[in-house]
Amino acid sequence: MTETHGTSPPRSVKVMYAQGIVALFPYLEDPYSQNGYEHYYDPESGSGYIAWRLKTIQRKAAEERGPAVSTSPKVGGPGHGRTRPFTADRVLTDEEVECAIALLRHTADEETIREKMKVTFAYRHAMVNDENKSAEVFSVFPRFLDTPGLIEQDFRVMFGEQTANKFMERWPTTFKAGVIKESHGLVPSTDLLDLMRNAETSTEVEKGWDSDMSAIILLLHLLPPSAQGRKRPGKISASNAVYHLIKFQKTGTSVQQHLDNIPQSRSI
């Protein structure tokens, strides 16, 4: 394709090649998609294996044309000094990552989704830590929005089963109570008082956050801005930071929660 049409072929060419692949190899057709070839190229979203492969070719060509600009590692931030047990069994190639991402967009099999999300964790983790790419996590990995448990799976991959289980076990009895207790020493505000009231209640909350989520959001009020955050213009308040910590997506009568990337000026 690139030899004939260059590294930026028109959409019609990419569709033609995607159709050609499944025509030559019928077992590669995706029975869950509308036309069967969208995992190779989806003209509606511009995604798929062919699109991702072309981006890789374009990036490598740009690197060959000029030396890469070296950047000094950042000091501080949410991940600084944190020991993570995660070690990849095998580092995936760019092609394997792109193929997994393309499959994730169109497969409906939950076991496949969980397996592909697990093997792409290292790639996704690098995205989260990249200021220029962190906002694209949900567009590249939209299954976070419709498949429950994927955030917990990433948490377990990152920190290990022992740490994950310890957090879940100790949150209701130790961590949550400590967060609520410390919150009583903060300067009261309307938002803070609502969160404290909801966090301390044992009954279902009709409006607002439930008890556990209210306690988690209280952490944003307890954690001070980092030294780097003080130097940056436009530092947001704890109340505004909530919208970067958690978002809601309503589908009919159900509400689906998903965590977003935490602002760099605050960390948990």
C-alpha atoms as a PDB file:
ATOM      1  CA  MET A   1       0.000   0.000   0.000  1.00  0.00           C
ATOM      2  CA  THR A   2       2.694   2.507   0.999  1.00  0.00           C
ATOM      3  CA  GLU A   3       4.787   1.695  -2.084  1.00  0.00           C
ATOM      4  CA  THR A   4       1.835   2.472  -4.346  1.00  0.00           C
ATOM      5  CA  HIS A   5      -0.091   5.144  -2.426  1.00  0.00           C
ATOM      6  CA  GLY A   6       2.448   6.566   0.054  1.00  0.00           C
ATOM      7  CA  THR A   7       2.231   6.653   3.855  1.00  0.00           C
ATOM      8  CA  SER A   8      -0.949   8.793   3.831  1.00  0.00           C
ATOM      9  CA  PRO A   9      -3.305   6.994   1.437  1.00  0.00           C
ATOM     10  CA  PRO A  10      -6.916   8.189   1.065  1.00  0.00           C
ATOM     11  CA  ARG A  11      -9.696   6.549   3.071  1.00  0.00           C
ATOM     12  CA  SER A  12     -11.039   4.664   0.046  1.00  0.00           C
ATOM     13  CA  VAL A  13      -7.694   2.912  -0.401  1.00  0.00           C
ATOM     14  CA  LYS A  14      -7.569   1.834   3.244  1.00  0.00           C
ATOM     15  CA  VAL A  15     -11.126   0.490   2.999  1.00  0.00           C
ATOM     16  CA  MET A  16     -10.196  -1.400  -0.184  1.00  0.00           C
ATOM     17  CA  TYR A  17      -7.230  -3.064   1.527  1.00  0.00           C
ATOM     18  CA  ALA A  18      -9.310  -3.957   4.610  1.00  0.00           C
ATOM     19  CA  GLN A  19     -11.964  -5.516   2.373  1.00  0.00           C
ATOM     20  CA  GLY A  20      -9.255  -7.359   0.458  1.00  0.00           C
ATOM     21  CA  ILE A  21      -7.808  -8.926   3.604  1.00  0.00           C
ATOM     22  CA  VAL A  22     -11.082 -10.501   4.730  1.00  0.00           C
ATOM     23  CA  ALA A  23     -11.924 -11.480   1.134  1.00  0.00           C
ATOM     24  CA  LEU A  24      -8.631 -13.379   0.772  1.00  0.00           C
ATOM     25  CA  PHE A  25      -8.748 -14.747   4.328  1.00  0.00           C
ATOM     26  CA  PRO A  26     -12.414 -15.263   5.326  1.00  0.00           C
ATOM     27  CA  TYR A  27     -11.515 -16.601   8.781  1.00  0.00           C
ATOM     28  CA  LEU A  28     -10.147 -13.144   9.661  1.00  0.00           C
ATOM     29  CA  GLU A  29     -13.567 -11.555   9.205  1.00  0.00           C
ATOM     30  CA  ASP A  30     -15.097 -10.163  12.410  1.00  0.00           C
ATOM     31  CA  PRO A  31     -18.639 -11.529  12.811  1.00  0.00           C
ATOM     32  CA  TYR A  32     -19.518  -8.887  15.428  1.00  0.00           C
ATOM     33  CA  SER A  33     -18.887  -5.843  13.211  1.00  0.00           C
ATOM     34  CA  GLN A  34     -21.204  -4.475  10.535  1.00  0.00           C
ATOM     35  CA  ASN A  35     -19.074  -5.291   7.483  1.00  0.00           C
ATOM     36  CA  GLY A  36     -16.549  -7.689   8.979  1.00  0.00           C
ATOM     37  CA  TYR A  37     -13.425  -5.656   8.174  1.00  0.00           C
ATOM     38  CA  GLU A  38     -13.687  -2.721  10.623  1.00  0.00           C
ATOM     39  CA  HIS A  39     -10.962  -4.126  12.910  1.00  0.00           C
ATOM     40  CA  TYR A  40      -8.564  -3.572  10.000  1.00  0.00           C
ATOM     41  CA  TYR A  41      -9.970  -0.194   9.038  1.00  0.00           C
ATOM     42  CA  ASP A  42     -13.134   1.531  10.202  1.00  0.00           C
ATOM     43  CA  PRO A  43     -13.920   4.478   7.866  1.00  0.00           C
ATOM     44  CA  GLU A  44     -16.325   5.992  10.412  1.00  0.00           C
ATOM     45  CA  SER A  45     -13.757   6.434  13.211  1.00  0.00           C
ATOM     46  CA  GLY A  46     -10.584   6.246  11.136  1.00  0.00           C
ATOM     47  CA  SER A  47      -9.266   3.509  13.436  1.00  0.00           C
ATOM     48  CA  GLY A  48      -8.151  -0.073  12.933  1.00  0.00           C
ATOM     49  CA  TYR A  49      -4.969  -2.046  12.382  1.00  0.00           C
ATOM     50  CA  ILE A  50      -4.158  -0.421   9.023  1.00  0.00           C
ATOM     51  CA  ALA A  51      -4.542   3.086  10.465  1.00  0.00           C
ATOM     52  CA  TRP A  52      -2.357   2.259  13.480  1.00  0.00           C
ATOM     53  CA  ARG A  53       0.256   0.583  11.255  1.00  0.00           C
ATOM     54  CA  LEU A  54       0.452   3.644   9.014  1.00  0.00           C
ATOM     55  CA  LYS A  55       0.993   5.873  12.058  1.00  0.00           C
ATOM     56  CA  THR A  56       3.894   3.662  13.139  1.00  0.00           C
ATOM     57  CA  ILE A  57       5.457   3.853   9.670  1.00  0.00           C
ATOM     58  CA  GLN A  58       5.054   7.641   9.653  1.00  0.00           C
ATOM     59  CA  ARG A  59       6.632   7.954  13.117  1.00  0.00           C
ATOM     60  CA  LYS A  60       9.606   5.743  12.233  1.00  0.00           C
ATOM     61  CA  ALA A  61      10.133   7.672   9.000  1.00  0.00           C
ATOM     62  CA  ALA A  62      10.167  10.933  10.958  1.00  0.00           C
ATOM     63  CA  GLU A  63      12.712   9.501  13.411  1.00  0.00           C
ATOM     64  CA  GLU A  64      14.985   8.432  10.556  1.00  0.00           C
ATOM     65  CA  ARG A  65      14.864  11.905   9.001  1.00  0.00           C
ATOM     66  CA  GLY A  66      16.189  13.621  12.105  1.00  0.00           C
ATOM     67  CA  PRO A  67      17.674  12.822  15.522  1.00  0.00           C
ATOM     68  CA  ALA A  68      15.203  12.348  18.326  1.00  0.00           C
ATOM     69  CA  VAL A  69      14.935  15.225  20.766  1.00  0.00           C
ATOM     70  CA  SER A  70      16.063  14.053  24.172  1.00  0.00           C
ATOM     71  CA  THR A  71      13.999  15.114  27.131  1.00  0.00           C
ATOM     72  CA  SER A  72      15.114  15.001  30.720  1.00  0.00           C
ATOM     73  CA  PRO A  73      13.013  12.817  33.006  1.00  0.00           C
ATOM     74  CA  LYS A  74      10.594  14.657  35.238  1.00  0.00           C
ATOM     75  CA  VAL A  75      11.122  14.601  38.951  1.00  0.00           C
ATOM     76  CA  GLY A  76       8.165  14.248  41.281  1.00  0.00           C
ATOM     77  CA  GLY A  77       4.563  13.595  40.385  1.00  0.00           C
ATOM     78  CA  PRO A  78       2.192  10.754  41.242  1.00  0.00           C
ATOM     79  CA  GLY A  79       4.548   7.966  40.195  1.00  0.00           C
ATOM     80  CA  HIS A  80       7.788   9.304  41.657  1.00  0.00           C
ATOM     81  CA  GLY A  81       9.487   6.885  44.027  1.00  0.00           C
ATOM     82  CA  ARG A  82       6.665   4.353  43.810  1.00  0.00           C
ATOM     83  CA  THR A  83       7.675   0.732  43.482  1.00  0.00           C
ATOM     84  CA  ARG A  84       5.429  -1.234  41.173  1.00  0.00           C
ATOM     85  CA  PRO A  85       5.450  -5.026  40.963  1.00  0.00           C
ATOM     86  CA  PHE A  86       4.373  -4.979  37.312  1.00  0.00           C
ATOM     87  CA  THR A  87       6.841  -6.598  34.924  1.00  0.00           C
ATOM     88  CA  ALA A  88       5.716  -7.513  31.428  1.00  0.00           C
ATOM     89  CA  ASP A  89       6.141 -11.180  30.539  1.00  0.00           C
ATOM     90  CA  ARG A  90       7.007 -10.074  27.021  1.00  0.00           C
ATOM     91  CA  VAL A  91       7.208  -6.621  25.487  1.00  0.00           C
ATOM     92  CA  LEU A  92       4.776  -6.413  22.587  1.00  0.00           C
ATOM     93  CA  THR A  93       5.909  -5.030  19.267  1.00  0.00           C
ATOM     94  CA  ASP A  94       4.200  -1.944  17.854  1.00  0.00           C
ATOM     95  CA  GLU A  95       2.352  -4.162  15.380  1.00  0.00           C
ATOM     96  CA  GLU A  96       1.075  -6.473  18.128  1.00  0.00           C
ATOM     97  CA  VAL A  97      -0.149  -3.508  20.210  1.00  0.00           C
ATOM     98  CA  GLU A  98      -1.900  -1.977  17.219  1.00  0.00           C
ATOM     99  CA  CYS A  99      -3.573  -5.273  16.339  1.00  0.00           C
ATOM    100  CA  ALA A 100      -4.754  -5.757  19.944  1.00  0.00           C
ATOM    101  CA  ILE A 101      -6.177  -2.214  20.075  1.00  0.00           C
ATOM    102  CA  ALA A 102      -7.972  -2.737  16.759  1.00  0.00           C
ATOM    103  CA  LEU A 103      -9.484  -6.005  18.001  1.00  0.00           C
ATOM    104  CA  LEU A 104     -10.581  -4.380  21.288  1.00  0.00           C
ATOM    105  CA  ARG A 105     -12.685  -1.851  19.419  1.00  0.00           C
ATOM    106  CA  HIS A 106     -14.868  -4.459  17.755  1.00  0.00           C
ATOM    107  CA  THR A 107     -14.881  -7.695  19.724  1.00  0.00           C
ATOM    108  CA  ALA A 108     -17.831  -8.430  21.999  1.00  0.00           C
ATOM    109  CA  ASP A 109     -16.200 -11.347  23.816  1.00  0.00           C
ATOM    110  CA  GLU A 110     -15.511 -10.250  27.415  1.00  0.00           C
ATOM    111  CA  GLU A 111     -12.736 -12.802  27.966  1.00  0.00           C
ATOM    112  CA  THR A 112     -10.912 -11.504  24.878  1.00  0.00           C
ATOM    113  CA  ILE A 113     -11.386  -7.918  26.044  1.00  0.00           C
ATOM    114  CA  ARG A 114      -9.861  -8.631  29.458  1.00  0.00           C
ATOM    115  CA  GLU A 115      -6.943 -10.560  27.961  1.00  0.00           C
ATOM    116  CA  LYS A 116      -6.115  -7.860  25.391  1.00  0.00           C
ATOM    117  CA  MET A 117      -6.469  -5.085  27.984  1.00  0.00           C
ATOM    118  CA  LYS A 118      -4.006  -6.938  30.191  1.00  0.00           C
ATOM    119  CA  VAL A 119      -1.358  -7.419  27.495  1.00  0.00           C
ATOM    120  CA  THR A 120      -1.634  -3.742  26.432  1.00  0.00           C
ATOM    121  CA  PHE A 121      -1.225  -2.466  30.008  1.00  0.00           C
ATOM    122  CA  ALA A 122       2.395  -1.306  29.514  1.00  0.00           C
ATOM    123  CA  TYR A 123       1.436   0.699  26.408  1.00  0.00           C
ATOM    124  CA  ARG A 124      -1.571   2.227  28.194  1.00  0.00           C
ATOM    125  CA  HIS A 125       0.454   3.018  31.311  1.00  0.00           C
ATOM    126  CA  ALA A 126       2.950   4.932  29.165  1.00  0.00           C
ATOM    127  CA  MET A 127       0.031   6.880  27.656  1.00  0.00           C
ATOM    128  CA  VAL A 128      -1.272   7.861  31.094  1.00  0.00           C
ATOM    129  CA  ASN A 129       2.159   9.204  32.077  1.00  0.00           C
ATOM    130  CA  ASP A 130       2.495  11.192  28.845  1.00  0.00           C
ATOM    131  CA  GLU A 131       0.991  14.679  29.158  1.00  0.00           C
ATOM    132  CA  ASN A 132       0.277  14.812  25.425  1.00  0.00           C
ATOM    133  CA  LYS A 133      -1.486  11.439  25.281  1.00  0.00           C
ATOM    134  CA  SER A 134      -3.154  10.963  28.673  1.00  0.00           C
ATOM    135  CA  ALA A 135      -6.399  12.618  27.537  1.00  0.00           C
ATOM    136  CA  GLU A 136      -6.706  10.066  24.690  1.00  0.00           C
ATOM    137  CA  VAL A 137      -6.833   6.948  26.899  1.00  0.00           C
ATOM    138  CA  PHE A 138     -10.606   6.534  26.663  1.00  0.00           C
ATOM    139  CA  SER A 139     -10.686   7.120  22.908  1.00  0.00           C
ATOM    140  CA  VAL A 140      -7.935   4.531  22.317  1.00  0.00           C
ATOM    141  CA  PHE A 141      -9.340   2.108  24.914  1.00  0.00           C
ATOM    142  CA  PRO A 142     -13.124   2.745  24.893  1.00  0.00           C
ATOM    143  CA  ARG A 143     -13.852  -0.625  26.556  1.00  0.00           C
ATOM    144  CA  PHE A 144     -13.260   1.092  29.903  1.00  0.00           C
ATOM    145  CA  LEU A 145     -16.663   2.695  29.311  1.00  0.00           C
ATOM    146  CA  ASP A 146     -18.712  -0.466  28.732  1.00  0.00           C
ATOM    147  CA  THR A 147     -16.855  -3.331  30.439  1.00  0.00           C
ATOM    148  CA  PRO A 148     -16.992  -3.402  34.273  1.00  0.00           C
ATOM    149  CA  GLY A 149     -13.877  -4.349  36.214  1.00  0.00           C
ATOM    150  CA  LEU A 150     -11.175  -3.171  33.778  1.00  0.00           C
ATOM    151  CA  ILE A 151      -9.965  -0.388  36.068  1.00  0.00           C
ATOM    152  CA  GLU A 152      -9.638  -2.859  38.928  1.00  0.00           C
ATOM    153  CA  GLN A 153      -7.762  -5.228  36.616  1.00  0.00           C
ATOM    154  CA  ASP A 154      -5.256  -2.475  35.743  1.00  0.00           C
ATOM    155  CA  PHE A 155      -4.896  -1.682  39.449  1.00  0.00           C
ATOM    156  CA  ARG A 156      -4.089  -5.315  40.206  1.00  0.00           C
ATOM    157  CA  VAL A 157      -1.612  -5.543  37.330  1.00  0.00           C
ATOM    158  CA  MET A 158       0.126  -2.360  38.467  1.00  0.00           C
ATOM    159  CA  PHE A 159       0.358  -3.041  42.190  1.00  0.00           C
ATOM    160  CA  GLY A 160       0.012  -6.818  42.464  1.00  0.00           C
ATOM    161  CA  GLU A 161      -2.660  -8.996  44.014  1.00  0.00           C
ATOM    162  CA  GLN A 162      -1.379  -8.623  47.576  1.00  0.00           C
ATOM    163  CA  THR A 163      -1.493  -4.813  47.555  1.00  0.00           C
ATOM    164  CA  ALA A 164      -4.813  -4.726  45.704  1.00  0.00           C
ATOM    165  CA  ASN A 165      -6.443  -7.105  48.149  1.00  0.00           C
ATOM    166  CA  LYS A 166      -5.013  -5.229  51.125  1.00  0.00           C
ATOM    167  CA  PHE A 167      -6.461  -1.925  49.869  1.00  0.00           C
ATOM    168  CA  MET A 168      -9.906  -3.455  49.268  1.00  0.00           C
ATOM    169  CA  GLU A 169      -9.905  -5.184  52.649  1.00  0.00           C
ATOM    170  CA  ARG A 170      -8.697  -2.184  54.671  1.00  0.00           C
ATOM    171  CA  TRP A 171     -10.593   0.595  52.880  1.00  0.00           C
ATOM    172  CA  PRO A 172     -13.943   0.166  54.748  1.00  0.00           C
ATOM    173  CA  THR A 173     -12.368  -0.245  58.217  1.00  0.00           C
ATOM    174  CA  THR A 174      -9.116   1.740  58.176  1.00  0.00           C
ATOM    175  CA  PHE A 175      -8.533   4.052  55.224  1.00  0.00           C
ATOM    176  CA  LYS A 176     -12.073   5.372  54.854  1.00  0.00           C
ATOM    177  CA  ALA A 177     -12.452   6.163  58.562  1.00  0.00           C
ATOM    178  CA  GLY A 178      -9.068   7.920  58.570  1.00  0.00           C
ATOM    179  CA  VAL A 179      -9.996  10.071  55.571  1.00  0.00           C
ATOM    180  CA  ILE A 180     -13.273  11.147  57.188  1.00  0.00           C
ATOM    181  CA  LYS A 181     -11.551  11.912  60.493  1.00  0.00           C
ATOM    182  CA  GLU A 182      -8.892  14.082  58.836  1.00  0.00           C
ATOM    183  CA  SER A 183     -11.542  15.927  56.818  1.00  0.00           C
ATOM    184  CA  HIS A 184     -13.051  17.379  59.994  1.00  0.00           C
ATOM    185  CA  GLY A 185      -9.936  19.523  60.351  1.00  0.00           C
ATOM    186  CA  LEU A 186     -10.386  21.244  56.965  1.00  0.00           C
ATOM    187  CA  VAL A 187     -11.934  24.658  56.444  1.00  0.00           C
ATOM    188  CA  PRO A 188     -15.620  23.854  55.819  1.00  0.00           C
ATOM    189  CA  SER A 189     -17.279  24.619  52.495  1.00  0.00           C
ATOM    190  CA  THR A 190     -20.601  23.583  50.971  1.00  0.00           C
ATOM    191  CA  ASP A 191     -19.010  20.906  48.774  1.00  0.00           C
ATOM    192  CA  LEU A 192     -16.876  19.604  51.626  1.00  0.00           C
ATOM    193  CA  LEU A 193     -19.775  19.387  54.080  1.00  0.00           C
ATOM    194  CA  ASP A 194     -21.901  17.513  51.514  1.00  0.00           C
ATOM    195  CA  LEU A 195     -19.096  15.008  50.924  1.00  0.00           C
ATOM    196  CA  MET A 196     -18.541  14.488  54.655  1.00  0.00           C
ATOM    197  CA  ARG A 197     -22.241  13.979  55.278  1.00  0.00           C
ATOM    198  CA  ASN A 198     -22.515  11.438  52.449  1.00  0.00           C
ATOM    199  CA  ALA A 199     -19.309   9.666  53.489  1.00  0.00           C
ATOM    200  CA  GLU A 200     -20.528   9.210  57.058  1.00  0.00           C
ATOM    201  CA  THR A 201     -23.990   7.922  56.156  1.00  0.00           C
ATOM    202  CA  SER A 202     -24.744   4.216  56.050  1.00  0.00           C
ATOM    203  CA  THR A 203     -27.939   4.622  54.024  1.00  0.00           C
ATOM    204  CA  GLU A 204     -28.294   4.979  50.268  1.00  0.00           C
ATOM    205  CA  VAL A 205     -27.754   8.525  49.002  1.00  0.00           C
ATOM    206  CA  GLU A 206     -30.535   9.680  46.675  1.00  0.00           C
ATOM    207  CA  LYS A 207     -28.626  12.649  45.258  1.00  0.00           C
ATOM    208  CA  GLY A 208     -24.863  13.059  45.175  1.00  0.00           C
ATOM    209  CA  TRP A 209     -22.007  10.618  45.673  1.00  0.00           C
ATOM    210  CA  ASP A 210     -22.408   7.458  47.709  1.00  0.00           C
ATOM    211  CA  SER A 211     -20.490   6.838  50.934  1.00  0.00           C
ATOM    212  CA  ASP A 212     -17.367   5.171  49.479  1.00  0.00           C
ATOM    213  CA  MET A 213     -16.988   7.556  46.533  1.00  0.00           C
ATOM    214  CA  SER A 214     -17.522  10.582  48.783  1.00  0.00           C
ATOM    215  CA  ALA A 215     -14.670   9.402  51.007  1.00  0.00           C
ATOM    216  CA  ILE A 216     -12.384   8.939  47.976  1.00  0.00           C
ATOM    217  CA  ILE A 217     -13.175  12.439  46.721  1.00  0.00           C
ATOM    218  CA  LEU A 218     -12.406  13.814  50.183  1.00  0.00           C
ATOM    219  CA  LEU A 219      -8.793  12.799  49.485  1.00  0.00           C
ATOM    220  CA  LEU A 220      -8.613  15.582  46.891  1.00  0.00           C
ATOM    221  CA  HIS A 221      -9.401  18.080  49.642  1.00  0.00           C
ATOM    222  CA  LEU A 222      -6.816  16.550  51.988  1.00  0.00           C
ATOM    223  CA  LEU A 223      -3.883  16.257  49.582  1.00  0.00           C
ATOM    224  CA  PRO A 224      -1.869  19.490  49.222  1.00  0.00           C
ATOM    225  CA  PRO A 225      -0.713  20.778  45.814  1.00  0.00           C
ATOM    226  CA  SER A 226       2.756  19.603  44.810  1.00  0.00           C
ATOM    227  CA  ALA A 227       5.714  21.977  44.587  1.00  0.00           C
ATOM    228  CA  GLN A 228       5.534  21.787  40.802  1.00  0.00           C
ATOM    229  CA  GLY A 229       1.839  22.606  40.904  1.00  0.00           C
ATOM    230  CA  ARG A 230       2.485  25.904  42.673  1.00  0.00           C
ATOM    231  CA  LYS A 231       4.642  27.119  39.789  1.00  0.00           C
ATOM    232  CA  ARG A 232       2.119  26.304  37.116  1.00  0.00           C
ATOM    233  CA  PRO A 233      -0.561  28.826  36.185  1.00  0.00           C
ATOM    234  CA  GLY A 234      -4.196  27.842  36.376  1.00  0.00           C
ATOM    235  CA  LYS A 235      -3.985  25.461  39.344  1.00  0.00           C
ATOM    236  CA  ILE A 236      -7.466  24.059  39.893  1.00  0.00           C
ATOM    237  CA  SER A 237      -9.337  23.719  43.166  1.00  0.00           C
ATOM    238  CA  ALA A 238     -10.160  20.419  44.844  1.00  0.00           C
ATOM    239  CA  SER A 239     -13.804  20.769  43.798  1.00  0.00           C
ATOM    240  CA  ASN A 240     -12.858  21.205  40.133  1.00  0.00           C
ATOM    241  CA  ALA A 241     -10.328  18.378  40.370  1.00  0.00           C
ATOM    242  CA  VAL A 242     -13.220  15.976  41.007  1.00  0.00           C
ATOM    243  CA  TYR A 243     -14.133  16.171  37.309  1.00  0.00           C
ATOM    244  CA  HIS A 244     -10.644  14.891  36.448  1.00  0.00           C
ATOM    245  CA  LEU A 245     -10.843  12.056  38.977  1.00  0.00           C
ATOM    246  CA  ILE A 246     -14.219  10.558  38.067  1.00  0.00           C
ATOM    247  CA  LYS A 247     -16.770  10.929  35.304  1.00  0.00           C
ATOM    248  CA  PHE A 248     -20.282   9.612  34.873  1.00  0.00           C
ATOM    249  CA  GLN A 249     -21.814   8.232  31.714  1.00  0.00           C
ATOM    250  CA  LYS A 250     -25.558   7.671  31.776  1.00  0.00           C
ATOM    251  CA  THR A 251     -26.981   4.862  29.682  1.00  0.00           C
ATOM    252  CA  GLY A 252     -30.756   4.692  30.126  1.00  0.00           C
ATOM    253  CA  THR A 253     -31.500   4.337  33.824  1.00  0.00           C
ATOM    254  CA  SER A 254     -28.040   3.020  34.769  1.00  0.00           C
ATOM    255  CA  VAL A 255     -25.036   5.109  35.640  1.00  0.00           C
ATOM    256  CA  GLN A 256     -21.569   3.889  34.752  1.00  0.00           C
ATOM    257  CA  GLN A 257     -18.505   5.176  36.578  1.00  0.00           C
ATOM    258  CA  HIS A 258     -14.981   5.318  35.287  1.00  0.00           C
ATOM    259  CA  LEU A 259     -11.845   6.893  36.739  1.00  0.00           C
ATOM    260  CA  ASP A 260     -10.002   9.479  34.697  1.00  0.00           C
ATOM    261  CA  ASN A 261      -6.377  10.460  34.945  1.00  0.00           C
ATOM    262  CA  ILE A 262      -5.710  12.325  38.190  1.00  0.00           C
ATOM    263  CA  PRO A 263      -4.406  15.904  37.755  1.00  0.00           C
ATOM    264  CA  GLN A 264      -0.629  16.172  38.075  1.00  0.00           C
ATOM    265  CA  SER A 265      -0.917  18.747  40.869  1.00  0.00           C
ATOM    266  CA  ARG A 266      -2.547  16.153  43.095  1.00  0.00           C
ATOM    267  CA  SER A 267      -1.986  12.433  43.592  1.00  0.00           C
ATOM    268  CA  ILE A 268      -3.420   9.563  45.577  1.00  0.00           C
END
